[in-house]
Protein backbone atom coordinates (compact mmCIF):
# COMPACT_ATOMS: atom_id res chain seq x y z
CA UNK A 1 143.51 77.36 147.76
CA UNK A 2 142.55 74.17 145.95
CA UNK A 3 141.70 74.27 142.19
CA UNK A 4 140.40 71.39 140.25
CA UNK A 5 140.75 71.28 136.47
CA UNK A 6 138.64 69.45 134.43
CA UNK A 7 137.88 69.34 130.74
CA UNK A 8 137.13 66.69 127.67
CA UNK A 9 139.90 64.06 127.23
CA UNK A 10 143.14 64.90 125.07
CA UNK A 11 142.27 68.67 125.39
CA UNK A 12 145.58 69.35 126.99
CA UNK A 13 144.45 69.44 130.81
CA UNK A 14 147.78 68.06 132.21
CA UNK A 15 149.98 70.40 129.95
CA UNK A 16 148.06 73.50 130.96
CA UNK A 17 147.68 72.20 135.02
CA UNK A 18 151.36 71.66 134.69
CA UNK A 19 152.40 75.49 133.37
CA UNK A 20 149.50 77.02 135.90
CA UNK A 21 151.61 75.21 138.59
CA UNK A 22 154.88 76.73 137.68
CA UNK A 23 153.28 79.79 137.13
CA UNK A 24 151.91 79.96 140.60
CA UNK A 25 155.46 78.80 141.90
CA UNK A 26 156.82 81.56 139.95
CA UNK A 27 154.30 84.19 142.20
CA UNK A 28 155.99 82.41 145.20
CA UNK A 29 153.91 79.87 146.14
CA UNK A 30 154.11 76.25 147.53
CA UNK A 31 152.10 74.19 144.74
CA UNK A 32 151.26 70.58 144.92
CA UNK A 33 149.73 68.96 141.96
CA UNK A 34 147.98 65.58 141.96
CA UNK A 35 147.21 63.93 138.87
CA UNK A 36 143.77 61.96 139.41
CA UNK A 37 143.51 59.78 136.31
CA UNK A 38 144.77 56.02 136.04
CA UNK A 39 147.22 56.73 133.34
CA UNK A 40 149.32 58.52 135.70
CA UNK A 41 150.96 60.88 133.09
CA UNK A 42 149.73 64.41 134.84
CA UNK A 43 153.05 65.46 136.21
CA UNK A 44 155.43 64.14 133.17
CA UNK A 45 155.93 67.60 131.96
CA UNK A 46 157.14 68.55 135.62
CA UNK A 47 159.13 65.73 136.30
CA UNK A 48 160.47 64.40 133.19
CA UNK A 49 159.29 60.59 134.06
CA UNK A 50 156.32 58.54 135.22
CA UNK A 51 156.33 58.85 138.64
CA UNK A 52 155.29 55.65 141.17
CA UNK A 53 151.51 56.32 142.19
CA UNK A 54 149.97 56.24 145.39
CA UNK A 55 148.05 53.23 144.71
CA UNK A 56 151.68 51.64 143.75
CA UNK A 57 152.98 52.57 146.99
CA UNK A 58 149.75 51.17 148.64
CA UNK A 59 150.15 47.87 147.37
CA UNK A 60 153.77 47.63 148.38
CA UNK A 61 153.23 48.34 152.10
CA UNK A 62 150.04 46.10 151.87
CA UNK A 63 147.63 48.84 152.18
CA UNK A 64 148.79 49.95 155.52
CA UNK A 65 147.94 53.64 155.54
CA UNK A 66 150.33 53.97 158.46
CA UNK A 67 153.61 52.64 156.73
CA UNK A 68 153.12 55.23 154.06
CA UNK A 69 155.11 58.45 154.53
CA UNK A 70 154.79 61.61 152.43
CA UNK A 71 158.20 61.07 150.69
CA UNK A 72 157.02 57.74 149.38
CA UNK A 73 154.50 59.53 147.50
CA UNK A 74 155.35 63.04 146.91
CA UNK A 75 158.12 63.78 144.36
CA UNK A 76 159.56 67.39 143.42
CA UNK A 77 159.16 68.82 139.89
CA UNK A 78 160.45 71.81 137.92
CA UNK A 79 160.44 75.08 139.75
CA UNK A 80 159.87 73.39 143.28
CA UNK A 81 156.50 71.98 142.28
CA UNK A 82 155.56 68.87 144.34
CA UNK A 83 153.83 66.36 142.50
CA UNK A 84 151.63 63.29 143.53
CA UNK A 85 149.78 60.85 141.11
CA UNK A 86 147.07 58.66 142.05
CA UNK A 87 147.14 56.06 139.40
CA UNK A 88 144.17 53.55 139.12
CA UNK A 89 143.58 49.90 138.93
CA UNK A 90 144.54 47.58 135.96
CA UNK A 91 142.54 48.31 132.94
CA UNK A 92 139.28 46.63 133.01
CA UNK A 93 139.27 45.88 136.56
CA UNK A 94 138.16 47.87 139.54
CA UNK A 95 137.24 51.58 139.67
CA UNK A 96 139.70 54.20 139.17
CA UNK A 97 137.27 56.95 140.48
CA UNK A 98 137.71 54.87 143.95
CA UNK A 99 141.62 55.54 143.82
CA UNK A 100 141.26 59.32 143.69
CA UNK A 101 138.75 59.38 146.98
CA UNK A 102 141.73 57.11 148.42
CA UNK A 103 144.20 59.53 147.34
CA UNK A 104 142.84 62.36 148.86
CA UNK A 105 141.99 60.18 152.14
CA UNK A 106 145.97 59.73 152.44
CA UNK A 107 147.24 63.09 151.39
CA UNK A 108 144.87 64.36 154.27
CA UNK A 109 145.81 61.62 157.19
CA UNK A 110 149.66 62.66 156.03
CA UNK A 111 148.58 66.39 156.82
CA UNK A 112 149.95 66.94 153.10
CA UNK A 113 147.22 69.65 152.57
CA UNK A 114 148.11 71.62 155.39
CA UNK A 115 151.68 72.43 153.97
CA UNK A 116 150.72 74.09 150.58
CA UNK A 117 149.47 77.25 149.43
CA UNK A 118 148.15 75.67 146.32
CA UNK A 119 146.57 72.37 145.47
CA UNK A 120 145.79 71.39 141.98
CA UNK A 121 143.59 68.35 141.04
CA UNK A 122 144.53 67.30 137.58
CA UNK A 123 141.46 65.08 136.95
CA UNK A 124 140.68 62.73 133.74
CA UNK A 125 138.71 64.06 130.77
CA UNK A 126 134.76 65.23 131.25
CA UNK A 127 134.21 62.34 133.67
CA UNK A 128 132.33 63.80 136.84
CA UNK A 129 130.89 60.76 138.55
CA UNK A 130 131.94 58.89 141.86
CA UNK A 131 135.57 59.55 143.03
CA UNK A 132 136.52 61.56 140.27
CA UNK A 133 133.87 64.14 141.26
CA UNK A 134 135.60 64.19 144.70
CA UNK A 135 137.93 66.65 144.02
CA UNK A 136 134.82 68.99 143.69
CA UNK A 137 134.53 68.32 147.24
CA UNK A 138 137.60 70.13 148.18
CA UNK A 139 138.24 72.60 145.82
CA UNK A 140 137.58 76.56 146.04
CA UNK A 141 137.75 76.71 142.17
CA UNK A 142 137.27 74.50 139.35
CA UNK A 143 138.76 75.34 135.88
CA UNK A 144 137.76 74.05 132.51
CA UNK A 145 139.88 73.32 129.90
CA UNK A 146 138.04 73.64 126.38
CA UNK A 147 138.83 74.53 122.72
CA UNK A 148 136.46 76.20 120.40
CA UNK A 149 134.97 73.07 119.13
CA UNK A 150 131.45 71.20 119.43
CA UNK A 151 132.70 67.89 121.79
CA UNK A 152 134.69 69.85 124.00
CA UNK A 153 132.15 72.59 124.93
CA UNK A 154 129.51 69.82 125.44
CA UNK A 155 131.61 67.89 128.01
CA UNK A 156 132.05 71.41 129.54
CA UNK A 157 128.42 71.86 129.82
CA UNK A 158 128.43 68.89 131.55
CA UNK A 159 131.48 69.68 133.68
CA UNK A 160 129.27 73.07 134.69
CA UNK A 161 126.37 70.87 135.64
CA UNK A 162 128.62 68.75 138.10
CA UNK A 163 129.81 72.34 139.68
CA UNK A 164 126.39 73.70 140.04
CA UNK A 165 125.30 70.58 141.91
CA UNK A 166 128.61 70.44 144.26
CA UNK A 167 128.16 73.85 145.02
CA UNK A 168 124.60 73.36 146.59
CA UNK A 169 126.85 71.74 149.65
CA UNK A 170 130.25 73.04 149.16
CA UNK A 171 131.79 76.80 148.72
CA UNK A 172 132.94 75.74 144.97
CA UNK A 173 132.98 78.25 142.52
CA UNK A 174 133.57 77.86 138.59
CA UNK A 175 136.67 80.10 137.98
CA UNK A 176 135.85 80.20 134.00
CA UNK A 177 136.75 78.63 131.07
CA UNK A 178 140.68 78.43 129.57
CA UNK A 179 140.53 77.87 125.51
CA UNK A 180 143.30 75.92 124.61
CA UNK A 181 144.48 75.41 121.13
CA UNK A 182 142.63 77.14 119.14
CA UNK A 183 142.81 79.91 116.54
CA UNK A 184 139.10 81.23 117.01
CA UNK A 185 136.74 81.71 120.18
CA UNK A 186 133.54 82.49 118.34
CA UNK A 187 131.98 79.00 119.35
CA UNK A 188 133.23 79.76 122.94
CA UNK A 189 131.49 83.05 122.97
CA UNK A 190 128.11 81.80 121.74
CA UNK A 191 128.28 79.21 124.57
CA UNK A 192 128.65 81.75 127.46
CA UNK A 193 125.95 83.75 125.56
CA UNK A 194 123.57 80.66 126.70
CA UNK A 195 125.65 79.95 129.98
CA UNK A 196 127.39 82.96 131.46
CA UNK A 197 130.79 82.27 132.99
CA UNK A 198 134.50 84.07 132.67
CA UNK A 199 136.77 83.02 130.10
CA UNK A 200 140.28 83.02 132.07
CA UNK A 201 142.69 82.83 128.98
CA UNK A 202 142.45 81.44 125.11
CA UNK A 203 145.58 79.99 124.09
CA UNK A 204 146.45 79.92 120.38
CA UNK A 205 147.25 77.02 118.29
CA UNK A 206 151.37 77.04 119.31
CA UNK A 207 152.98 73.71 118.31
CA UNK A 208 155.87 74.21 121.05
CA UNK A 209 152.68 73.48 123.60
CA UNK A 210 152.18 70.14 121.93
CA UNK A 211 155.86 69.39 121.83
CA UNK A 212 156.67 70.36 125.47
CA UNK A 213 154.39 67.30 126.36
CA UNK A 214 156.71 65.22 124.09
CA UNK A 215 159.62 66.53 126.02
CA UNK A 216 158.70 66.05 129.23
CA UNK A 217 159.32 69.91 129.77
CA UNK A 218 157.06 72.77 130.91
CA UNK A 219 156.92 75.94 128.59
CA UNK A 220 158.93 77.68 131.47
CA UNK A 221 161.70 75.34 131.50
CA UNK A 222 161.63 75.23 127.41
CA UNK A 223 161.89 79.20 127.78
CA UNK A 224 165.24 79.16 129.81
CA UNK A 225 166.86 77.90 126.54
CA UNK A 226 164.55 79.46 124.10
CA UNK A 227 163.34 82.97 125.38
CA UNK A 228 161.29 83.04 122.39
CA UNK A 229 158.73 81.24 124.41
CA UNK A 230 158.58 83.72 127.01
CA UNK A 231 155.59 85.13 125.36
CA UNK A 232 154.20 81.74 125.88
CA UNK A 233 154.64 81.45 129.61
CA UNK A 234 152.79 84.65 129.92
CA UNK A 235 149.39 83.24 129.30
CA UNK A 236 149.73 80.93 132.17
CA UNK A 237 151.20 83.40 134.33
CA UNK A 238 148.17 85.42 133.46
CA UNK A 239 145.68 82.78 134.52
CA UNK A 240 148.04 82.40 137.54
CA UNK A 241 147.34 85.78 138.46
CA UNK A 242 143.76 85.45 137.82
CA UNK A 243 142.87 82.93 140.35
CA UNK A 244 145.66 84.71 143.36
CA UNK A 245 143.25 87.67 143.10
CA UNK A 246 140.47 85.21 144.47
CA UNK A 247 137.90 86.01 141.83
CA UNK A 248 134.06 85.62 142.65
CA UNK A 249 133.75 83.00 140.25
CA UNK A 250 130.26 81.57 139.19
CA UNK A 251 127.93 78.70 140.01
CA UNK A 252 127.12 78.30 136.71
CA UNK A 253 123.58 77.43 135.32
CA UNK A 254 124.12 74.76 132.40
CA UNK A 255 121.74 74.20 129.83
CA UNK A 256 119.89 71.27 129.09
CA UNK A 257 121.75 68.89 127.03
CA UNK A 258 119.09 68.54 124.12
CA UNK A 259 119.32 72.68 123.91
CA UNK A 260 123.03 72.75 123.76
CA UNK A 261 123.06 70.10 121.17
CA UNK A 262 120.50 72.62 119.24
CA UNK A 263 122.35 75.65 119.78
CA UNK A 264 125.88 74.15 118.64
CA UNK A 265 124.86 72.20 116.09
CA UNK A 266 122.98 75.51 114.60
CA UNK A 267 126.05 77.34 114.87
CA UNK A 268 127.63 74.84 112.11
CA UNK A 269 124.44 73.91 109.93
CA UNK A 270 123.54 77.66 109.96
CA UNK A 271 126.87 79.89 109.85
CA UNK A 272 125.94 83.47 110.20
CA UNK A 273 126.83 85.37 106.85
CA UNK A 274 128.62 88.38 107.14
CA UNK A 275 126.32 91.51 106.59
CA UNK A 276 126.53 92.44 103.15
CA UNK A 277 126.56 96.42 102.94
CA UNK A 278 123.84 98.31 100.55
CA UNK A 279 124.55 100.58 98.03
CA UNK A 280 123.58 103.26 100.33
CA UNK A 281 125.38 102.05 103.30
CA UNK A 282 128.71 102.08 100.90
CA UNK A 283 127.71 105.56 99.65
CA UNK A 284 127.48 106.86 103.40
CA UNK A 285 130.97 105.67 104.35
CA UNK A 286 132.61 107.12 101.07
CA UNK A 287 130.97 110.41 102.02
CA UNK A 288 132.37 110.03 105.55
């Protein structure tokens, strides 16, 4: 099974991806997480350090693919999750998307894809063009990480559009949204009324999730010494269980940008006021 995780930049994709990878490993699956971001920090909470990237390794080998071995690019992370970072060119020079495509090509040549039960692509931001859309060509499911805010849902809609486009030629489905760092879900609900899709889980504002990123540890590793965090791990285990059940998923019918802009703007500009009960309704309730 191949999964691709997308979402607005800074929304918590990598932290979410790492914890989902561990949750899948806890369910007995052999997992490979591939970081598709020039920052090469996707797997940081799994390994505790910034692992060498594929582009670094290829440069050392003078781009002779035949000289690269799996152990040169695959690093073991917490819970037995294997980790790969695509990396990218220097800032302002070259195309990071191209590197993602080359990473997939190299791993296929190494037959790495055949050794895992689950491969999870953690793709930067909401970029769905060129090589950054390449993981969708291989994925069975896309998962979109969002929050209950305007910008994240606007980005989610763009990603949904790319899933719809890729699904024309690939067996790709959208597994659903993962709400992250939000105490509410009213705007999410408003969005999925317009663009029907499942919501896999909504994680509330939990400070330990942010702290885990700084510490370079997954919530599962932190829970080993602090059992009070086990309830947070259950969120990720729930997502893993839903994915392993191979849901039908959806091919989303994204809404046009201007329509979505109006929909989300209206939610903020014209919030629905709670209905005020009439005196007659109050009296009826008192009688009951």
